[in-house]
Amino acid sequence: MQRRCDRNRKRSKRRAIYCLIHGCYMNSMSQKYGLFAERAGQLQQRGIKRREALMLVAAKTAVPLEGEWLEAFWCEECQETKWYHICKRDSSYELSLAPPELWQQATGVMHPNGNPSVGEFTSRHSRMMNHRSIQDFKFMY
């Protein structure tokens, strides 16, 4: 008969992601948002030769960056959530605070400051999740 603790060994381990300031374990507060490169220079920064980078960008509009993503983490000591740029190298993770320009390379994320081409009314209603949002459409007689 197999014991309960033996069955749980197949469960994935917690990722070793620790606060840059306090060194304590941080809990993930979001999904992973993968990154992509649109320009050859972005690929060259990651060690790809210039010619190969130019060919990749010419062949594809956007090249996915393997092992890199944006993710939000909560630190118990800092008492706040921060967005980090994560790079997985073998079995370890390199963390850095996510710079604003990296958001433009992320897939599936909303811009932190919202879409500047969307009006205030539309933006407000996209955040409303209740039946009262219809009140803005009442007609005056």
N, C-alpha and C. Protein backbone atom coordinates (compact mmCIF):
# COMPACT_ATOMS: atom_id res chain seq x y z
N MET A 1 0.84 -1.18 0.00
CA MET A 1 0.00 0.00 0.00
C MET A 1 0.89 1.25 0.00
N GLN A 2 0.52 2.19 -0.85
CA GLN A 2 1.30 3.43 -0.97
C GLN A 2 0.82 4.45 0.05
N ARG A 3 1.78 5.03 0.77
CA ARG A 3 1.42 6.03 1.78
C ARG A 3 1.12 7.36 1.12
N ARG A 4 0.32 8.18 1.80
CA ARG A 4 -0.11 9.48 1.27
C ARG A 4 1.08 10.38 0.94
N CYS A 5 2.10 10.43 1.79
CA CYS A 5 3.23 11.34 1.54
C CYS A 5 4.01 10.92 0.29
N ASP A 6 4.02 9.64 -0.05
CA ASP A 6 4.71 9.19 -1.26
C ASP A 6 3.97 9.66 -2.51
N ARG A 7 2.66 9.72 -2.45
CA ARG A 7 1.88 10.15 -3.60
C ARG A 7 2.07 11.63 -3.90
N ASN A 8 2.30 12.43 -2.87
CA ASN A 8 2.44 13.87 -3.05
C ASN A 8 3.81 14.29 -3.57
N ARG A 9 4.75 13.39 -3.68
CA ARG A 9 6.09 13.72 -4.14
C ARG A 9 6.10 14.18 -5.60
N LYS A 10 5.09 13.82 -6.37
CA LYS A 10 5.03 14.19 -7.78
C LYS A 10 4.57 15.63 -7.96
N ARG A 11 4.03 16.23 -6.91
CA ARG A 11 3.56 17.60 -7.00
C ARG A 11 4.75 18.53 -7.24
N SER A 12 4.54 19.55 -8.07
CA SER A 12 5.63 20.46 -8.39
C SER A 12 6.08 21.23 -7.15
N LYS A 13 7.36 21.54 -7.12
CA LYS A 13 7.94 22.28 -6.00
C LYS A 13 7.64 23.77 -6.16
N ARG A 14 7.70 24.50 -5.04
CA ARG A 14 7.54 25.95 -5.08
C ARG A 14 8.73 26.55 -5.79
N ARG A 15 8.48 27.58 -6.59
CA ARG A 15 9.58 28.26 -7.26
C ARG A 15 10.37 29.04 -6.24
N ALA A 16 11.67 28.99 -6.36
CA ALA A 16 12.56 29.68 -5.42
C ALA A 16 12.71 31.14 -5.85
N ILE A 17 11.68 31.93 -5.57
CA ILE A 17 11.70 33.35 -5.92
C ILE A 17 11.61 34.16 -4.62
N TYR A 18 12.67 34.91 -4.36
CA TYR A 18 12.80 35.62 -3.10
C TYR A 18 12.91 37.12 -3.30
N CYS A 19 12.46 37.87 -2.31
CA CYS A 19 12.49 39.33 -2.33
C CYS A 19 13.93 39.82 -2.48
N LEU A 20 14.12 40.80 -3.36
CA LEU A 20 15.45 41.35 -3.58
C LEU A 20 15.95 42.14 -2.38
N ILE A 21 15.03 42.65 -1.58
CA ILE A 21 15.40 43.48 -0.42
C ILE A 21 15.56 42.64 0.85
N HIS A 22 14.54 41.82 1.16
CA HIS A 22 14.52 41.10 2.43
C HIS A 22 14.98 39.64 2.34
N GLY A 23 14.97 39.07 1.15
CA GLY A 23 15.38 37.68 0.99
C GLY A 23 14.32 36.66 1.39
N CYS A 24 13.10 37.13 1.67
CA CYS A 24 12.03 36.20 2.05
C CYS A 24 11.31 35.69 0.80
N TYR A 25 10.68 34.53 0.93
CA TYR A 25 9.94 33.94 -0.18
C TYR A 25 8.78 34.85 -0.56
N MET A 26 8.54 35.01 -1.87
CA MET A 26 7.44 35.84 -2.35
C MET A 26 6.38 34.97 -3.01
N ASN A 27 5.12 35.36 -2.82
CA ASN A 27 3.99 34.65 -3.43
C ASN A 27 3.59 35.33 -4.72
N SER A 28 3.31 34.53 -5.74
CA SER A 28 2.87 35.06 -7.02
C SER A 28 1.47 35.63 -6.89
N MET A 29 1.23 36.78 -7.53
CA MET A 29 -0.07 37.43 -7.47
C MET A 29 -0.68 37.58 -8.87
N SER A 30 -0.06 36.99 -9.88
CA SER A 30 -0.57 37.12 -11.24
C SER A 30 -0.14 35.91 -12.05
N GLN A 31 -0.63 35.87 -13.26
CA GLN A 31 -0.15 34.86 -14.19
C GLN A 31 1.17 35.33 -14.79
N LYS A 32 1.82 34.45 -15.54
CA LYS A 32 3.04 34.82 -16.23
C LYS A 32 2.67 35.48 -17.55
N TYR A 33 3.29 36.60 -17.86
CA TYR A 33 3.07 37.28 -19.13
C TYR A 33 4.36 37.17 -19.94
N GLY A 34 4.33 36.33 -20.97
CA GLY A 34 5.50 36.09 -21.80
C GLY A 34 5.95 37.33 -22.53
N LEU A 35 7.24 37.35 -22.88
CA LEU A 35 7.83 38.49 -23.58
C LEU A 35 8.19 38.10 -25.01
N PHE A 36 8.26 39.09 -25.88
CA PHE A 36 8.65 38.88 -27.26
C PHE A 36 9.54 40.03 -27.71
N ALA A 37 10.30 39.79 -28.77
CA ALA A 37 11.17 40.82 -29.34
C ALA A 37 10.65 41.20 -30.72
N GLU A 38 10.67 42.51 -31.00
CA GLU A 38 10.24 43.02 -32.30
C GLU A 38 11.41 43.54 -33.13
N ARG A 39 12.51 43.82 -32.45
CA ARG A 39 13.67 44.40 -33.13
C ARG A 39 14.90 43.52 -32.91
N ALA A 40 15.80 43.55 -33.87
CA ALA A 40 17.02 42.74 -33.80
C ALA A 40 17.86 43.10 -32.57
N GLY A 41 17.88 44.38 -32.21
CA GLY A 41 18.66 44.82 -31.04
C GLY A 41 18.21 44.14 -29.75
N GLN A 42 16.91 43.89 -29.62
CA GLN A 42 16.39 43.21 -28.43
C GLN A 42 16.90 41.78 -28.35
N LEU A 43 17.05 41.14 -29.51
CA LEU A 43 17.59 39.78 -29.54
C LEU A 43 19.10 39.78 -29.31
N GLN A 44 19.78 40.77 -29.84
CA GLN A 44 21.23 40.88 -29.65
C GLN A 44 21.58 41.07 -28.18
N GLN A 45 20.74 41.79 -27.44
CA GLN A 45 20.96 41.98 -26.00
C GLN A 45 20.92 40.65 -25.26
N ARG A 46 20.28 39.67 -25.84
CA ARG A 46 20.14 38.36 -25.22
C ARG A 46 21.12 37.33 -25.78
N GLY A 47 22.14 37.83 -26.50
CA GLY A 47 23.22 36.95 -26.95
C GLY A 47 23.08 36.35 -28.33
N ILE A 48 22.09 36.77 -29.11
CA ILE A 48 21.94 36.26 -30.47
C ILE A 48 22.75 37.14 -31.41
N LYS A 49 23.47 36.50 -32.33
CA LYS A 49 24.32 37.24 -33.26
C LYS A 49 23.48 38.16 -34.14
N ARG A 50 24.09 39.26 -34.57
CA ARG A 50 23.38 40.31 -35.32
C ARG A 50 22.68 39.77 -36.56
N ARG A 51 23.40 39.01 -37.36
CA ARG A 51 22.83 38.50 -38.61
C ARG A 51 21.64 37.57 -38.33
N GLU A 52 21.81 36.68 -37.35
CA GLU A 52 20.73 35.75 -36.99
C GLU A 52 19.51 36.51 -36.45
N ALA A 53 19.78 37.55 -35.67
CA ALA A 53 18.70 38.36 -35.10
C ALA A 53 17.93 39.07 -36.21
N LEU A 54 18.65 39.62 -37.18
CA LEU A 54 18.00 40.30 -38.31
C LEU A 54 17.14 39.33 -39.11
N MET A 55 17.63 38.13 -39.32
CA MET A 55 16.87 37.13 -40.08
C MET A 55 15.62 36.69 -39.32
N LEU A 56 15.74 36.52 -38.02
CA LEU A 56 14.58 36.13 -37.20
C LEU A 56 13.49 37.19 -37.25
N VAL A 57 13.88 38.45 -37.08
CA VAL A 57 12.90 39.54 -37.08
C VAL A 57 12.27 39.70 -38.46
N ALA A 58 13.07 39.47 -39.52
CA ALA A 58 12.54 39.57 -40.88
C ALA A 58 11.54 38.44 -41.17
N ALA A 59 11.80 37.26 -40.62
CA ALA A 59 10.94 36.11 -40.86
C ALA A 59 9.66 36.16 -40.03
N LYS A 60 9.75 36.70 -38.84
CA LYS A 60 8.60 36.77 -37.93
C LYS A 60 8.41 38.22 -37.49
N THR A 61 7.18 38.59 -37.26
CA THR A 61 6.92 39.94 -36.76
C THR A 61 7.40 40.07 -35.32
N ALA A 62 7.12 39.04 -34.52
CA ALA A 62 7.53 39.04 -33.12
C ALA A 62 8.13 37.68 -32.79
N VAL A 63 9.27 37.70 -32.10
CA VAL A 63 9.97 36.48 -31.72
C VAL A 63 9.77 36.26 -30.22
N PRO A 64 9.14 35.15 -29.81
CA PRO A 64 8.95 34.91 -28.38
C PRO A 64 10.30 34.70 -27.68
N LEU A 65 10.42 35.26 -26.49
CA LEU A 65 11.64 35.11 -25.70
C LEU A 65 11.44 33.99 -24.69
N GLU A 66 12.09 32.87 -24.94
CA GLU A 66 11.95 31.70 -24.07
C GLU A 66 12.56 31.97 -22.70
N GLY A 67 11.88 31.56 -21.66
CA GLY A 67 12.41 31.68 -20.30
C GLY A 67 12.38 33.08 -19.72
N GLU A 68 11.60 33.99 -20.32
CA GLU A 68 11.48 35.36 -19.79
C GLU A 68 10.02 35.74 -19.72
N TRP A 69 9.62 36.39 -18.64
CA TRP A 69 8.24 36.84 -18.50
C TRP A 69 8.14 37.91 -17.42
N LEU A 70 6.96 38.54 -17.37
CA LEU A 70 6.62 39.50 -16.32
C LEU A 70 5.64 38.82 -15.38
N GLU A 71 5.80 39.07 -14.09
CA GLU A 71 4.90 38.48 -13.10
C GLU A 71 4.90 39.35 -11.84
N ALA A 72 3.74 39.43 -11.19
CA ALA A 72 3.61 40.22 -9.96
C ALA A 72 3.79 39.31 -8.75
N PHE A 73 4.50 39.81 -7.74
CA PHE A 73 4.74 39.04 -6.51
C PHE A 73 4.45 39.91 -5.29
N TRP A 74 3.96 39.25 -4.24
CA TRP A 74 3.68 39.89 -2.95
C TRP A 74 4.79 39.52 -1.98
N CYS A 75 5.37 40.55 -1.34
CA CYS A 75 6.38 40.33 -0.31
C CYS A 75 5.75 40.63 1.04
N GLU A 76 5.83 39.69 1.94
CA GLU A 76 5.25 39.85 3.28
C GLU A 76 5.95 40.96 4.06
N GLU A 77 7.26 41.08 3.90
CA GLU A 77 8.02 42.11 4.61
C GLU A 77 7.77 43.50 4.04
N CYS A 78 7.75 43.63 2.71
CA CYS A 78 7.51 44.93 2.07
C CYS A 78 6.04 45.34 2.20
N GLN A 79 5.16 44.35 2.34
CA GLN A 79 3.72 44.57 2.40
C GLN A 79 3.21 45.24 1.12
N GLU A 80 3.73 44.80 -0.03
CA GLU A 80 3.26 45.33 -1.30
C GLU A 80 3.52 44.33 -2.43
N THR A 81 2.79 44.56 -3.51
CA THR A 81 2.95 43.77 -4.72
C THR A 81 3.80 44.56 -5.70
N LYS A 82 4.79 43.89 -6.29
CA LYS A 82 5.65 44.53 -7.28
C LYS A 82 5.72 43.64 -8.51
N TRP A 83 5.89 44.27 -9.67
CA TRP A 83 6.04 43.55 -10.93
C TRP A 83 7.52 43.32 -11.19
N TYR A 84 7.85 42.08 -11.57
CA TYR A 84 9.23 41.71 -11.82
C TYR A 84 9.40 41.13 -13.22
N HIS A 85 10.59 41.37 -13.77
CA HIS A 85 11.03 40.71 -15.01
C HIS A 85 11.78 39.48 -14.55
N ILE A 86 11.29 38.29 -14.92
CA ILE A 86 11.89 37.03 -14.49
C ILE A 86 12.61 36.40 -15.67
N CYS A 87 13.82 35.94 -15.44
CA CYS A 87 14.58 35.18 -16.43
C CYS A 87 14.94 33.84 -15.79
N LYS A 88 14.47 32.76 -16.39
CA LYS A 88 14.79 31.43 -15.85
C LYS A 88 16.07 30.95 -16.51
N ARG A 89 17.07 30.68 -15.70
CA ARG A 89 18.36 30.17 -16.15
C ARG A 89 18.58 28.82 -15.49
N ASP A 90 18.52 27.75 -16.26
CA ASP A 90 18.64 26.38 -15.76
C ASP A 90 17.58 26.15 -14.68
N SER A 91 17.97 25.99 -13.43
CA SER A 91 16.99 25.76 -12.36
C SER A 91 16.85 26.96 -11.43
N SER A 92 17.47 28.09 -11.79
CA SER A 92 17.38 29.28 -10.93
C SER A 92 16.67 30.40 -11.68
N TYR A 93 16.30 31.43 -10.93
CA TYR A 93 15.58 32.57 -11.49
C TYR A 93 16.36 33.85 -11.22
N GLU A 94 16.43 34.72 -12.24
CA GLU A 94 17.01 36.05 -12.07
C GLU A 94 15.85 37.04 -12.07
N LEU A 95 15.80 37.87 -11.03
CA LEU A 95 14.72 38.85 -10.88
C LEU A 95 15.25 40.26 -11.02
N SER A 96 14.43 41.11 -11.62
CA SER A 96 14.69 42.55 -11.61
C SER A 96 13.33 43.24 -11.70
N LEU A 97 13.23 44.42 -11.12
CA LEU A 97 11.97 45.15 -11.21
C LEU A 97 11.67 45.42 -12.69
N ALA A 98 10.41 45.24 -13.08
CA ALA A 98 10.03 45.39 -14.48
C ALA A 98 10.07 46.85 -14.89
N PRO A 99 10.95 47.22 -15.85
CA PRO A 99 10.98 48.60 -16.33
C PRO A 99 9.77 48.88 -17.22
N PRO A 100 9.31 50.12 -17.30
CA PRO A 100 8.12 50.45 -18.08
C PRO A 100 8.20 50.03 -19.55
N GLU A 101 9.38 50.13 -20.17
CA GLU A 101 9.48 49.79 -21.59
C GLU A 101 9.29 48.29 -21.85
N LEU A 102 9.46 47.46 -20.84
CA LEU A 102 9.27 46.02 -21.01
C LEU A 102 7.80 45.65 -21.18
N TRP A 103 6.89 46.49 -20.68
CA TRP A 103 5.46 46.22 -20.82
C TRP A 103 5.05 46.19 -22.29
N GLN A 104 5.76 46.92 -23.13
CA GLN A 104 5.44 46.96 -24.56
C GLN A 104 5.84 45.66 -25.25
N GLN A 105 6.66 44.84 -24.59
CA GLN A 105 7.09 43.56 -25.15
C GLN A 105 6.34 42.38 -24.56
N ALA A 106 5.36 42.62 -23.71
CA ALA A 106 4.64 41.53 -23.05
C ALA A 106 3.38 41.16 -23.82
N THR A 107 3.03 39.88 -23.79
CA THR A 107 1.84 39.41 -24.48
C THR A 107 0.67 39.31 -23.51
N GLY A 108 -0.48 39.82 -23.92
CA GLY A 108 -1.71 39.66 -23.15
C GLY A 108 -1.86 40.56 -21.95
N VAL A 109 -1.09 41.62 -21.83
CA VAL A 109 -1.23 42.52 -20.68
C VAL A 109 -1.85 43.83 -21.11
N MET A 110 -2.54 44.45 -20.17
CA MET A 110 -3.05 45.80 -20.40
C MET A 110 -1.95 46.77 -19.99
N HIS A 111 -1.86 47.86 -20.69
CA HIS A 111 -0.86 48.88 -20.34
C HIS A 111 -1.15 49.37 -18.92
N PRO A 112 -0.13 49.49 -18.05
CA PRO A 112 -0.37 49.89 -16.66
C PRO A 112 -1.13 51.21 -16.52
N ASN A 113 -0.96 52.14 -17.47
CA ASN A 113 -1.64 53.43 -17.40
C ASN A 113 -2.89 53.46 -18.27
N GLY A 114 -3.30 52.32 -18.79
CA GLY A 114 -4.47 52.26 -19.65
C GLY A 114 -4.14 52.62 -21.08
N ASN A 115 -5.08 52.39 -21.96
CA ASN A 115 -4.90 52.69 -23.36
C ASN A 115 -5.22 54.16 -23.59
N PRO A 116 -4.25 54.95 -24.06
CA PRO A 116 -4.50 56.39 -24.22
C PRO A 116 -5.54 56.71 -25.29
N SER A 117 -5.83 55.77 -26.18
CA SER A 117 -6.81 56.05 -27.24
C SER A 117 -8.25 55.76 -26.80
N VAL A 118 -8.42 55.24 -25.59
CA VAL A 118 -9.76 54.92 -25.08
C VAL A 118 -10.24 56.07 -24.19
N GLY A 119 -11.47 56.50 -24.40
CA GLY A 119 -12.04 57.59 -23.62
C GLY A 119 -12.31 57.20 -22.18
N GLU A 120 -12.50 58.19 -21.31
CA GLU A 120 -12.74 57.96 -19.89
C GLU A 120 -14.02 57.15 -19.66
N PHE A 121 -15.10 57.47 -20.40
CA PHE A 121 -16.37 56.77 -20.24
C PHE A 121 -16.20 55.27 -20.53
N THR A 122 -15.55 54.94 -21.64
CA THR A 122 -15.35 53.55 -22.03
C THR A 122 -14.44 52.84 -21.03
N SER A 123 -13.40 53.52 -20.63
CA SER A 123 -12.47 52.93 -19.67
C SER A 123 -13.16 52.63 -18.34
N ARG A 124 -13.97 53.57 -17.86
CA ARG A 124 -14.69 53.38 -16.59
C ARG A 124 -15.65 52.20 -16.69
N HIS A 125 -16.38 52.10 -17.79
CA HIS A 125 -17.36 51.02 -17.95
C HIS A 125 -16.71 49.65 -18.15
N SER A 126 -15.51 49.61 -18.66
CA SER A 126 -14.84 48.33 -18.81
C SER A 126 -14.45 47.76 -17.46
N ARG A 127 -14.31 48.63 -16.44
CA ARG A 127 -13.97 48.17 -15.09
C ARG A 127 -15.19 47.83 -14.26
N MET A 128 -16.38 48.27 -14.68
CA MET A 128 -17.60 48.02 -13.91
C MET A 128 -18.07 46.59 -14.14
N MET A 129 -18.41 45.94 -13.04
CA MET A 129 -18.84 44.55 -13.14
C MET A 129 -20.20 44.33 -12.47
N ASN A 130 -21.08 45.33 -12.49
CA ASN A 130 -22.37 45.14 -11.83
C ASN A 130 -23.51 45.69 -12.69
N HIS A 131 -24.71 45.49 -12.22
CA HIS A 131 -25.89 45.89 -12.97
C HIS A 131 -26.11 47.41 -12.98
N ARG A 132 -25.45 48.15 -12.09
CA ARG A 132 -25.67 49.59 -11.99
C ARG A 132 -25.02 50.37 -13.13
N SER A 133 -24.14 49.73 -13.89
CA SER A 133 -23.47 50.45 -14.98
C SER A 133 -24.47 50.93 -16.03
N ILE A 134 -25.65 50.36 -16.05
CA ILE A 134 -26.68 50.78 -17.01
C ILE A 134 -27.23 52.16 -16.67
N GLN A 135 -27.01 52.63 -15.43
CA GLN A 135 -27.53 53.92 -15.02
C GLN A 135 -26.98 55.08 -15.83
N ASP A 136 -25.77 54.93 -16.35
CA ASP A 136 -25.18 55.99 -17.18
C ASP A 136 -25.94 56.16 -18.50
N PHE A 137 -26.76 55.17 -18.85
CA PHE A 137 -27.47 55.22 -20.12
C PHE A 137 -28.93 55.66 -19.96
N LYS A 138 -29.33 56.09 -18.75
CA LYS A 138 -30.71 56.53 -18.53
C LYS A 138 -30.98 57.80 -19.33
N PHE A 139 -32.15 57.86 -19.87
CA PHE A 139 -32.56 59.06 -20.63
C PHE A 139 -33.37 59.98 -19.73
N MET A 140 -33.17 61.25 -19.91
CA MET A 140 -33.94 62.23 -19.17
C MET A 140 -35.15 62.62 -20.00
N TYR A 141 -36.35 62.63 -19.42
CA TYR A 141 -37.56 63.00 -20.15
C TYR A 141 -38.01 64.37 -19.76
